[in-house]
């Protein structure tokens, strides 16, 4: 049985899967492998896309332990108004 460390292209295959899957569809995510653990970092525009990272990796790479450190950044939301008293 081969381990994830035996595949030098695994992190790029994971990143490519996240880019091309409609549930994530993000170019700016970073993927780091340490043994059988995969760390995904970066920002996405919605909680649905963040959840998509978990789903895609669980479906395509079930042997890996995921650490989803992706942050959600709301795009286009107006900043809260400041009030002065």
Protein backbone atom coordinates (compact mmCIF):
# COMPACT_ATOMS: atom_id res chain seq x y z
CA UNK A 1 0.00 0.00 0.00
CA UNK A 2 1.36 3.41 -0.92
CA UNK A 3 1.22 6.38 1.37
CA UNK A 4 0.26 9.92 0.34
CA UNK A 5 3.92 10.91 0.80
CA UNK A 6 4.80 8.60 -2.13
CA UNK A 7 2.92 10.82 -4.61
CA UNK A 8 4.95 13.98 -5.29
CA UNK A 9 2.02 15.50 -7.21
CA UNK A 10 -0.73 14.83 -4.68
CA UNK A 11 -0.95 18.36 -3.31
CA UNK A 12 -1.31 19.71 -6.85
CA UNK A 13 -3.95 17.09 -7.70
CA UNK A 14 -5.92 18.18 -4.61
CA UNK A 15 -5.57 21.86 -5.51
CA UNK A 16 -6.69 21.16 -9.08
CA UNK A 17 -9.72 19.24 -7.82
CA UNK A 18 -10.70 22.20 -5.64
CA UNK A 19 -10.30 24.62 -8.55
CA UNK A 20 -12.41 22.58 -10.97
CA UNK A 21 -15.19 21.40 -8.65
CA UNK A 22 -18.21 23.75 -8.77
CA UNK A 23 -18.69 23.40 -5.00
CA UNK A 24 -15.39 25.20 -4.40
CA UNK A 25 -14.20 26.76 -7.67
CA UNK A 26 -11.40 28.81 -6.06
CA UNK A 27 -7.94 29.49 -7.48
CA UNK A 28 -6.30 30.98 -4.40
CA UNK A 29 -6.33 28.04 -2.00
CA UNK A 30 -3.03 26.62 -0.74
CA UNK A 31 -2.64 22.90 -0.12
CA UNK A 32 0.10 21.51 2.12
CA UNK A 33 0.66 17.82 2.83
CA UNK A 34 2.36 16.49 5.94
CA UNK A 35 2.23 12.72 5.91
CA UNK A 36 -1.43 11.76 5.50
CA UNK A 37 -2.65 15.16 6.72
CA UNK A 38 -3.72 17.83 4.24
CA UNK A 39 -3.90 21.47 5.29
CA UNK A 40 -5.98 23.79 3.11
CA UNK A 41 -5.67 27.54 3.68
CA UNK A 42 -6.88 30.66 1.92
CA UNK A 43 -10.14 32.55 1.62
CA UNK A 44 -13.42 31.85 -0.14
CA UNK A 45 -16.51 33.99 -0.71
CA UNK A 46 -19.07 31.85 1.13
CA UNK A 47 -19.57 29.23 3.82
CA UNK A 48 -20.88 26.89 1.10
CA UNK A 49 -17.52 27.00 -0.69
CA UNK A 50 -15.68 26.42 2.58
CA UNK A 51 -17.86 23.36 3.21
CA UNK A 52 -17.22 22.30 -0.38
CA UNK A 53 -13.51 21.96 0.42
CA UNK A 54 -14.35 19.35 3.07
CA UNK A 55 -16.78 17.49 0.81
CA UNK A 56 -14.49 17.35 -2.23
CA UNK A 57 -11.49 16.11 -0.27
CA UNK A 58 -13.59 13.53 1.60
CA UNK A 59 -14.97 12.18 -1.69
CA UNK A 60 -11.78 12.15 -3.74
CA UNK A 61 -9.11 11.61 -1.08
CA UNK A 62 -10.78 9.71 1.79
CA UNK A 63 -7.44 8.40 3.08
CA UNK A 64 -6.32 11.91 4.05
CA UNK A 65 -6.99 13.71 7.32
CA UNK A 66 -8.22 17.19 6.42
CA UNK A 67 -7.45 20.38 8.31
CA UNK A 68 -9.74 22.95 6.68
CA UNK A 69 -8.30 26.32 7.67
CA UNK A 70 -10.11 28.21 4.90
CA UNK A 71 -11.62 31.54 5.94
CA UNK A 72 -14.83 33.05 4.59
CA UNK A 73 -14.52 36.62 3.38
CA UNK A 74 -17.79 38.31 2.57
CA UNK A 75 -17.33 40.20 -0.69
CA UNK A 76 -19.35 43.31 -1.37
CA UNK A 77 -20.85 43.66 2.09
CA UNK A 78 -21.09 47.22 3.29
CA UNK A 79 -19.09 48.00 6.41
CA UNK A 80 -21.13 48.73 9.53
CA UNK A 81 -21.98 52.38 10.11
CA UNK A 82 -20.15 54.17 12.86
CA UNK A 83 -22.17 56.28 15.22
CA UNK A 84 -20.71 59.17 17.15
CA UNK A 85 -22.31 60.28 20.37
